[in-house]
Amino acid sequence: MSHDLTDRVILITGAAGGLGRSAARHLARCGAVVGVSDINAKGCDETAAMIRDAGGQAHSFPADLSSRDSFLAVADSLARAAGRIDAVVNNAALLVYEKIEDVREETVDRMIGIGLKAPMWGAQALLAHYDPQRGGVIINFASVVAYKGFPGAAVYSAIKGALISLTRVLAAELGPRNVRVNAVAPGSVPTPGALKYVDQKEYERRAATIPLRRIGREEDIDHALAYLLSKEASFVNGAVLNVDGGIVAAG
């Protein structure tokens, strides 16, 4: 049974494919009006079209969300189209695996721009357009790499660790304003972005080490998001939900 998100207006970033697209489609099936945004304009439009073709409500807003002005313009457009914004899901990220000696300033700046700056703009976007009486929700995408050391993931891991800290700070800061802030931390989900770096054989190896003995699926993350966005999670604030089959718990 899906969580009821009828009449919720949800902006989700990084929704041109992978976990973002899957989440956008699932939240729309739960009844939400979904604003999808991504730097990939074609993929962004395709996601919105998929939702509308299935009978859902979606608006497409291609943009570089690392820019504060661009993010806030997207939020303005969604609020004009749907009346307000009830939730922001900060999923967009840039994943680059490099040895530390190969990391260059341009890559770090791009990764921080979309991985850490954008969630801050997302919080500002929600505050500008939510109804304090209804309340608001922010969900940030963390990762198991924030807890475990994975060689080659220095920049990405540092950003995800910072995002967990940001989640906790915003939960404390915005809770009195009727805004809940939580994070999900997926583990080993073979999205198109991840498959650029991790082949199927490696995923099979990982599955054998995960306590539940399987890798993650997109729907695992979809259901976690729907729960955190729903009224059933109305007293959940400042949590990091590890959707990882037990990777973090097993150490």
C-alpha atoms as a PDB file:
ATOM      1  CA  MET A   1       0.000   0.000   0.000  1.00  0.00           C
ATOM      2  CA  SER A   2       1.429   3.375  -1.044  1.00  0.00           C
ATOM      3  CA  HIS A   3       1.539   6.401   1.218  1.00  0.00           C
ATOM      4  CA  ASP A   4      -1.072   8.998   0.346  1.00  0.00           C
ATOM      5  CA  LEU A   5       0.562  12.167  -0.973  1.00  0.00           C
ATOM      6  CA  THR A   6      -2.562  13.571  -2.611  1.00  0.00           C
ATOM      7  CA  ASP A   7      -2.313  17.315  -3.273  1.00  0.00           C
ATOM      8  CA  ARG A   8       1.278  17.524  -2.032  1.00  0.00           C
ATOM      9  CA  VAL A   9       3.459  19.663  -4.282  1.00  0.00           C
ATOM     10  CA  ILE A  10       6.954  18.183  -4.355  1.00  0.00           C
ATOM     11  CA  LEU A  11      10.044  19.488  -6.140  1.00  0.00           C
ATOM     12  CA  ILE A  12      12.637  16.803  -6.835  1.00  0.00           C
ATOM     13  CA  THR A  13      16.082  17.556  -8.223  1.00  0.00           C
ATOM     14  CA  GLY A  14      18.217  15.333 -10.390  1.00  0.00           C
ATOM     15  CA  ALA A  15      15.070  13.784 -11.831  1.00  0.00           C
ATOM     16  CA  ALA A  16      16.203  13.245 -15.433  1.00  0.00           C
ATOM     17  CA  GLY A  17      17.059   9.605 -14.696  1.00  0.00           C
ATOM     18  CA  GLY A  18      18.130   7.055 -12.122  1.00  0.00           C
ATOM     19  CA  LEU A  19      16.831   7.344  -8.571  1.00  0.00           C
ATOM     20  CA  GLY A  20      15.420  10.809  -9.211  1.00  0.00           C
ATOM     21  CA  ARG A  21      13.266   9.712 -12.128  1.00  0.00           C
ATOM     22  CA  SER A  22      12.071   6.601 -10.299  1.00  0.00           C
ATOM     23  CA  ALA A  23      11.221   8.660  -7.212  1.00  0.00           C
ATOM     24  CA  ALA A  24       9.374  11.313  -9.198  1.00  0.00           C
ATOM     25  CA  ARG A  25       7.228   8.688 -10.900  1.00  0.00           C
ATOM     26  CA  HIS A  26       6.482   6.921  -7.619  1.00  0.00           C
ATOM     27  CA  LEU A  27       5.565  10.104  -5.755  1.00  0.00           C
ATOM     28  CA  ALA A  28       3.234  11.054  -8.588  1.00  0.00           C
ATOM     29  CA  ARG A  29       1.572   7.634  -8.328  1.00  0.00           C
ATOM     30  CA  CYS A  30       1.064   8.406  -4.630  1.00  0.00           C
ATOM     31  CA  GLY A  31      -0.926  11.481  -5.686  1.00  0.00           C
ATOM     32  CA  ALA A  32       1.680  14.241  -5.520  1.00  0.00           C
ATOM     33  CA  VAL A  33       2.039  17.087  -7.979  1.00  0.00           C
ATOM     34  CA  VAL A  34       5.679  16.741  -8.951  1.00  0.00           C
ATOM     35  CA  GLY A  35       8.103  19.372 -10.179  1.00  0.00           C
ATOM     36  CA  VAL A  36      11.084  17.702 -11.831  1.00  0.00           C
ATOM     37  CA  SER A  37      14.325  19.578 -12.332  1.00  0.00           C
ATOM     38  CA  ASP A  38      17.691  18.624 -13.782  1.00  0.00           C
ATOM     39  CA  ILE A  39      20.490  20.117 -15.845  1.00  0.00           C
ATOM     40  CA  ASN A  40      19.636  17.456 -18.450  1.00  0.00           C
ATOM     41  CA  ALA A  41      16.706  19.179 -20.163  1.00  0.00           C
ATOM     42  CA  LYS A  42      15.783  16.258 -22.421  1.00  0.00           C
ATOM     43  CA  GLY A  43      15.738  13.753 -19.560  1.00  0.00           C
ATOM     44  CA  CYS A  44      13.842  16.188 -17.352  1.00  0.00           C
ATOM     45  CA  ASP A  45      11.134  16.641 -19.968  1.00  0.00           C
ATOM     46  CA  GLU A  46      10.959  12.884 -20.528  1.00  0.00           C
ATOM     47  CA  THR A  47      10.393  12.217 -16.827  1.00  0.00           C
ATOM     48  CA  ALA A  48       7.546  14.719 -16.674  1.00  0.00           C
ATOM     49  CA  ALA A  49       6.025  13.236 -19.843  1.00  0.00           C
ATOM     50  CA  MET A  50       6.177   9.724 -18.361  1.00  0.00           C
ATOM     51  CA  ILE A  51       4.289  10.925 -15.294  1.00  0.00           C
ATOM     52  CA  ARG A  52       1.639  12.739 -17.318  1.00  0.00           C
ATOM     53  CA  ASP A  53       1.219   9.777 -19.685  1.00  0.00           C
ATOM     54  CA  ALA A  54       0.504   7.606 -16.629  1.00  0.00           C
ATOM     55  CA  GLY A  55      -2.198  10.026 -15.453  1.00  0.00           C
ATOM     56  CA  GLY A  56      -0.094  11.961 -12.954  1.00  0.00           C
ATOM     57  CA  GLN A  57       0.663  15.647 -12.585  1.00  0.00           C
ATOM     58  CA  ALA A  58       4.164  16.871 -13.382  1.00  0.00           C
ATOM     59  CA  HIS A  59       5.995  20.022 -14.436  1.00  0.00           C
ATOM     60  CA  SER A  60       9.464  20.087 -15.989  1.00  0.00           C
ATOM     61  CA  PHE A  61      12.020  22.761 -15.092  1.00  0.00           C
ATOM     62  CA  PRO A  62      15.456  22.172 -16.643  1.00  0.00           C
ATOM     63  CA  ALA A  63      18.109  24.187 -14.809  1.00  0.00           C
ATOM     64  CA  ASP A  64      21.593  24.209 -13.319  1.00  0.00           C
ATOM     65  CA  LEU A  65      20.571  23.958  -9.678  1.00  0.00           C
ATOM     66  CA  SER A  66      24.032  24.744  -8.348  1.00  0.00           C
ATOM     67  CA  SER A  67      23.082  28.368  -9.084  1.00  0.00           C
ATOM     68  CA  ARG A  68      20.987  29.937  -6.336  1.00  0.00           C
ATOM     69  CA  ASP A  69      19.214  32.215  -8.798  1.00  0.00           C
ATOM     70  CA  SER A  70      18.362  29.278 -11.055  1.00  0.00           C
ATOM     71  CA  PHE A  71      17.077  27.118  -8.191  1.00  0.00           C
ATOM     72  CA  LEU A  72      14.886  29.888  -6.824  1.00  0.00           C
ATOM     73  CA  ALA A  73      13.559  30.632 -10.327  1.00  0.00           C
ATOM     74  CA  VAL A  74      12.557  26.961 -10.677  1.00  0.00           C
ATOM     75  CA  ALA A  75      10.780  27.142  -7.322  1.00  0.00           C
ATOM     76  CA  ASP A  76       8.972  30.318  -8.348  1.00  0.00           C
ATOM     77  CA  SER A  77       7.778  28.619 -11.526  1.00  0.00           C
ATOM     78  CA  LEU A  78       6.531  25.523  -9.710  1.00  0.00           C
ATOM     79  CA  ALA A  79       4.758  27.605  -7.069  1.00  0.00           C
ATOM     80  CA  ARG A  80       3.032  29.647  -9.766  1.00  0.00           C
ATOM     81  CA  ALA A  81       1.929  26.475 -11.537  1.00  0.00           C
ATOM     82  CA  ALA A  82       0.818  24.534  -8.455  1.00  0.00           C
ATOM     83  CA  GLY A  83       0.073  27.194  -5.851  1.00  0.00           C
ATOM     84  CA  ARG A  84       2.808  26.412  -3.335  1.00  0.00           C
ATOM     85  CA  ILE A  85       5.602  23.932  -2.549  1.00  0.00           C
ATOM     86  CA  ASP A  86       5.115  21.380   0.241  1.00  0.00           C
ATOM     87  CA  ALA A  87       8.413  19.502  -0.053  1.00  0.00           C
ATOM     88  CA  VAL A  88      11.818  19.542  -1.704  1.00  0.00           C
ATOM     89  CA  VAL A  89      13.777  16.364  -2.375  1.00  0.00           C
ATOM     90  CA  ASN A  90      17.451  17.211  -2.918  1.00  0.00           C
ATOM     91  CA  ASN A  91      18.610  14.257  -4.983  1.00  0.00           C
ATOM     92  CA  ALA A  92      20.844  15.886  -7.604  1.00  0.00           C
ATOM     93  CA  ALA A  93      24.547  15.099  -7.353  1.00  0.00           C
ATOM     94  CA  LEU A  94      27.663  14.689  -9.455  1.00  0.00           C
ATOM     95  CA  LEU A  95      29.436  11.377  -8.918  1.00  0.00           C
ATOM     96  CA  VAL A  96      33.128  11.265  -9.810  1.00  0.00           C
ATOM     97  CA  TYR A  97      35.505   8.587  -8.539  1.00  0.00           C
ATOM     98  CA  GLU A  98      39.163   9.623  -8.580  1.00  0.00           C
ATOM     99  CA  LYS A  99      42.308   8.889  -6.639  1.00  0.00           C
ATOM    100  CA  ILE A 100      43.071  11.813  -4.367  1.00  0.00           C
ATOM    101  CA  GLU A 101      46.148  12.794  -6.378  1.00  0.00           C
ATOM    102  CA  ASP A 102      44.001  13.125  -9.508  1.00  0.00           C
ATOM    103  CA  VAL A 103      41.383  15.443  -7.979  1.00  0.00           C
ATOM    104  CA  ARG A 104      41.318  18.906  -9.511  1.00  0.00           C
ATOM    105  CA  GLU A 105      39.733  22.145  -8.337  1.00  0.00           C
ATOM    106  CA  GLU A 106      37.199  22.313 -11.166  1.00  0.00           C
ATOM    107  CA  THR A 107      35.805  18.879 -10.289  1.00  0.00           C
ATOM    108  CA  VAL A 108      35.570  19.725  -6.595  1.00  0.00           C
ATOM    109  CA  ASP A 109      33.773  22.987  -7.338  1.00  0.00           C
ATOM    110  CA  ARG A 110      31.254  21.284  -9.643  1.00  0.00           C
ATOM    111  CA  MET A 111      30.591  18.510  -7.135  1.00  0.00           C
ATOM    112  CA  ILE A 112      30.146  20.907  -4.213  1.00  0.00           C
ATOM    113  CA  GLY A 113      27.948  23.149  -6.346  1.00  0.00           C
ATOM    114  CA  ILE A 114      25.292  20.546  -7.007  1.00  0.00           C
ATOM    115  CA  GLY A 115      25.919  18.258  -4.033  1.00  0.00           C
ATOM    116  CA  LEU A 116      26.054  20.782  -1.185  1.00  0.00           C
ATOM    117  CA  LYS A 117      25.130  24.259  -2.377  1.00  0.00           C
ATOM    118  CA  ALA A 118      21.986  23.103  -4.168  1.00  0.00           C
ATOM    119  CA  PRO A 119      20.438  21.541  -1.026  1.00  0.00           C
ATOM    120  CA  MET A 120      20.912  24.869   0.728  1.00  0.00           C
ATOM    121  CA  TRP A 121      19.101  26.631  -2.118  1.00  0.00           C
ATOM    122  CA  GLY A 122      16.456  23.902  -1.884  1.00  0.00           C
ATOM    123  CA  ALA A 123      15.811  24.796   1.737  1.00  0.00           C
ATOM    124  CA  GLN A 124      15.484  28.457   0.782  1.00  0.00           C
ATOM    125  CA  ALA A 125      13.120  27.522  -2.044  1.00  0.00           C
ATOM    126  CA  LEU A 126      10.832  25.624   0.305  1.00  0.00           C
ATOM    127  CA  LEU A 127      10.769  28.429   2.868  1.00  0.00           C
ATOM    128  CA  ALA A 128       9.796  30.910   0.172  1.00  0.00           C
ATOM    129  CA  HIS A 129       6.803  28.902  -1.005  1.00  0.00           C
ATOM    130  CA  TYR A 130       5.479  26.593   1.736  1.00  0.00           C
ATOM    131  CA  ASP A 131       2.372  27.057   3.843  1.00  0.00           C
ATOM    132  CA  PRO A 132       3.458  27.214   7.512  1.00  0.00           C
ATOM    133  CA  GLN A 133       0.095  25.843   8.607  1.00  0.00           C
ATOM    134  CA  ARG A 134       0.424  22.780   6.375  1.00  0.00           C
ATOM    135  CA  GLY A 135       4.116  22.419   7.149  1.00  0.00           C
ATOM    136  CA  GLY A 136       6.989  21.551   4.873  1.00  0.00           C
ATOM    137  CA  VAL A 137       9.387  18.677   4.304  1.00  0.00           C
ATOM    138  CA  ILE A 138      12.971  18.578   3.049  1.00  0.00           C
ATOM    139  CA  ILE A 139      14.717  15.315   2.198  1.00  0.00           C
ATOM    140  CA  ASN A 140      18.417  15.241   1.381  1.00  0.00           C
ATOM    141  CA  PHE A 141      20.140  12.348  -0.350  1.00  0.00           C
ATOM    142  CA  ALA A 142      23.083  11.174   1.740  1.00  0.00           C
ATOM    143  CA  SER A 143      24.982   7.930   1.095  1.00  0.00           C
ATOM    144  CA  VAL A 144      26.636   5.041   2.874  1.00  0.00           C
ATOM    145  CA  VAL A 145      29.953   6.552   1.766  1.00  0.00           C
ATOM    146  CA  ALA A 146      29.469   9.123   4.523  1.00  0.00           C
ATOM    147  CA  TYR A 147      29.978   6.313   7.041  1.00  0.00           C
ATOM    148  CA  LYS A 148      32.517   4.034   5.386  1.00  0.00           C
ATOM    149  CA  GLY A 149      35.767   4.788   3.640  1.00  0.00           C
ATOM    150  CA  PHE A 150      35.608   3.892  -0.056  1.00  0.00           C
ATOM    151  CA  PRO A 151      38.901   4.520  -1.920  1.00  0.00           C
ATOM    152  CA  GLY A 152      38.513   6.949  -4.785  1.00  0.00           C
ATOM    153  CA  ALA A 153      35.462   8.652  -3.289  1.00  0.00           C
ATOM    154  CA  ALA A 154      37.099  11.413  -1.245  1.00  0.00           C
ATOM    155  CA  VAL A 155      35.171  14.376  -2.628  1.00  0.00           C
ATOM    156  CA  TYR A 156      31.836  12.589  -2.888  1.00  0.00           C
ATOM    157  CA  SER A 157      32.155  11.159   0.630  1.00  0.00           C
ATOM    158  CA  ALA A 158      33.095  14.538   2.096  1.00  0.00           C
ATOM    159  CA  ILE A 159      30.050  16.141   0.473  1.00  0.00           C
ATOM    160  CA  LYS A 160      27.690  13.426   1.698  1.00  0.00           C
ATOM    161  CA  GLY A 161      29.119  13.708   5.211  1.00  0.00           C
ATOM    162  CA  ALA A 162      28.543  17.458   5.115  1.00  0.00           C
ATOM    163  CA  LEU A 163      25.009  16.870   3.855  1.00  0.00           C
ATOM    164  CA  ILE A 164      24.217  14.756   6.901  1.00  0.00           C
ATOM    165  CA  SER A 165      25.460  17.580   9.136  1.00  0.00           C
ATOM    166  CA  LEU A 166      23.367  20.064   7.154  1.00  0.00           C
ATOM    167  CA  THR A 167      20.320  17.837   7.564  1.00  0.00           C
ATOM    168  CA  ARG A 168      20.673  17.819  11.349  1.00  0.00           C
ATOM    169  CA  VAL A 169      21.270  21.554  11.583  1.00  0.00           C
ATOM    170  CA  LEU A 170      18.243  22.347   9.426  1.00  0.00           C
ATOM    171  CA  ALA A 171      16.086  19.920  11.414  1.00  0.00           C
ATOM    172  CA  ALA A 172      16.898  21.891  14.562  1.00  0.00           C
ATOM    173  CA  GLU A 173      16.649  25.293  12.892  1.00  0.00           C
ATOM    174  CA  LEU A 174      13.480  24.742  10.869  1.00  0.00           C
ATOM    175  CA  GLY A 175      11.537  22.434  13.179  1.00  0.00           C
ATOM    176  CA  PRO A 176      10.041  25.426  15.047  1.00  0.00           C
ATOM    177  CA  ARG A 177       8.796  26.677  11.663  1.00  0.00           C
ATOM    178  CA  ASN A 178       6.907  23.416  11.031  1.00  0.00           C
ATOM    179  CA  VAL A 179       9.451  22.059   8.572  1.00  0.00           C
ATOM    180  CA  ARG A 180      10.807  18.526   8.925  1.00  0.00           C
ATOM    181  CA  VAL A 181      14.271  17.784   7.500  1.00  0.00           C
ATOM    182  CA  ASN A 182      15.533  14.242   7.022  1.00  0.00           C
ATOM    183  CA  ALA A 183      17.907  12.313   4.803  1.00  0.00           C
ATOM    184  CA  VAL A 184      17.973   8.971   3.052  1.00  0.00           C
ATOM    185  CA  ALA A 185      21.251   7.132   2.563  1.00  0.00           C
ATOM    186  CA  PRO A 186      20.980   4.586  -0.260  1.00  0.00           C
ATOM    187  CA  GLY A 187      23.504   1.820  -0.587  1.00  0.00           C
ATOM    188  CA  SER A 188      24.557  -0.161  -3.686  1.00  0.00           C
ATOM    189  CA  VAL A 189      21.761   0.687  -6.093  1.00  0.00           C
ATOM    190  CA  PRO A 190      22.897   0.151  -9.708  1.00  0.00           C
ATOM    191  CA  THR A 191      21.729   3.417 -11.261  1.00  0.00           C
ATOM    192  CA  PRO A 192      23.011   4.519 -14.698  1.00  0.00           C
ATOM    193  CA  GLY A 193      25.395   6.957 -13.018  1.00  0.00           C
ATOM    194  CA  ALA A 194      26.844   4.328 -10.718  1.00  0.00           C
ATOM    195  CA  LEU A 195      27.189   1.776 -13.510  1.00  0.00           C
ATOM    196  CA  LYS A 196      29.749   4.061 -15.143  1.00  0.00           C
ATOM    197  CA  TYR A 197      32.101   3.118 -12.318  1.00  0.00           C
ATOM    198  CA  VAL A 198      30.823  -0.205 -10.955  1.00  0.00           C
ATOM    199  CA  ASP A 199      30.169  -3.196 -13.212  1.00  0.00           C
ATOM    200  CA  GLN A 200      27.641  -5.975 -12.668  1.00  0.00           C
ATOM    201  CA  LYS A 201      30.295  -8.370 -11.385  1.00  0.00           C
ATOM    202  CA  GLU A 202      31.211  -5.928  -8.623  1.00  0.00           C
ATOM    203  CA  TYR A 203      27.558  -5.574  -7.670  1.00  0.00           C
ATOM    204  CA  GLU A 204      27.311  -9.346  -7.391  1.00  0.00           C
ATOM    205  CA  ARG A 205      30.353  -9.333  -5.106  1.00  0.00           C
ATOM    206  CA  ARG A 206      28.814  -6.610  -2.967  1.00  0.00           C
ATOM    207  CA  ALA A 207      25.527  -8.485  -2.691  1.00  0.00           C
ATOM    208  CA  ALA A 208      27.355 -11.363  -1.027  1.00  0.00           C
ATOM    209  CA  THR A 209      28.656  -9.005   1.680  1.00  0.00           C
ATOM    210  CA  ILE A 210      25.415  -7.131   2.408  1.00  0.00           C
ATOM    211  CA  PRO A 211      23.508  -8.593   5.388  1.00  0.00           C
ATOM    212  CA  LEU A 212      20.297  -8.938   3.346  1.00  0.00           C
ATOM    213  CA  ARG A 213      22.346 -10.581   0.568  1.00  0.00           C
ATOM    214  CA  ARG A 214      21.057  -8.436  -2.268  1.00  0.00           C
ATOM    215  CA  ILE A 215      21.755  -5.058  -3.809  1.00  0.00           C
ATOM    216  CA  GLY A 216      19.307  -2.185  -3.611  1.00  0.00           C
ATOM    217  CA  ARG A 217      16.475  -1.483  -6.003  1.00  0.00           C
ATOM    218  CA  GLU A 218      15.039   1.859  -7.052  1.00  0.00           C
ATOM    219  CA  GLU A 219      11.717   1.021  -5.414  1.00  0.00           C
ATOM    220  CA  ASP A 220      13.461   0.566  -2.049  1.00  0.00           C
ATOM    221  CA  ILE A 221      14.402   4.233  -2.133  1.00  0.00           C
ATOM    222  CA  ASP A 222      11.025   5.272  -3.559  1.00  0.00           C
ATOM    223  CA  HIS A 223       9.123   3.777  -0.628  1.00  0.00           C
ATOM    224  CA  ALA A 224      11.496   5.320   1.935  1.00  0.00           C
ATOM    225  CA  LEU A 225      10.976   8.753   0.398  1.00  0.00           C
ATOM    226  CA  ALA A 226       7.202   8.376   0.297  1.00  0.00           C
ATOM    227  CA  TYR A 227       7.192   7.439   3.990  1.00  0.00           C
ATOM    228  CA  LEU A 228       9.330  10.421   5.033  1.00  0.00           C
ATOM    229  CA  LEU A 229       7.108  12.737   2.990  1.00  0.00           C
ATOM    230  CA  SER A 230       3.880  11.337   4.419  1.00  0.00           C
ATOM    231  CA  LYS A 231       1.832  12.223   7.485  1.00  0.00           C
ATOM    232  CA  GLU A 232       2.884   8.881   8.996  1.00  0.00           C
ATOM    233  CA  ALA A 233       6.349  10.422   9.483  1.00  0.00           C
ATOM    234  CA  SER A 234       5.023  13.629  11.070  1.00  0.00           C
ATOM    235  CA  PHE A 235       7.273  13.250  14.153  1.00  0.00           C
ATOM    236  CA  VAL A 236      10.402  12.154  12.248  1.00  0.00           C
ATOM    237  CA  ASN A 237      12.847  15.055  12.074  1.00  0.00           C
ATOM    238  CA  GLY A 238      16.633  15.048  11.778  1.00  0.00           C
ATOM    239  CA  ALA A 239      16.832  11.359  10.917  1.00  0.00           C
ATOM    240  CA  VAL A 240      19.126   9.674   8.421  1.00  0.00           C
ATOM    241  CA  LEU A 241      17.372   6.601   7.056  1.00  0.00           C
ATOM    242  CA  ASN A 242      19.908   4.083   5.770  1.00  0.00           C
ATOM    243  CA  VAL A 243      18.248   2.187   2.915  1.00  0.00           C
ATOM    244  CA  ASP A 244      21.177  -0.131   2.397  1.00  0.00           C
ATOM    245  CA  GLY A 245      20.331  -3.698   3.425  1.00  0.00           C
ATOM    246  CA  GLY A 246      22.515  -3.341   6.512  1.00  0.00           C
ATOM    247  CA  ILE A 247      25.795  -2.114   4.979  1.00  0.00           C
ATOM    248  CA  VAL A 248      26.336   0.600   7.579  1.00  0.00           C
ATOM    249  CA  ALA A 249      25.196  -1.559  10.484  1.00  0.00           C
ATOM    250  CA  ALA A 250      27.600  -4.342   9.537  1.00  0.00           C
ATOM    251  CA  GLY A 251      30.572  -1.989   9.500  1.00  0.00           C
END
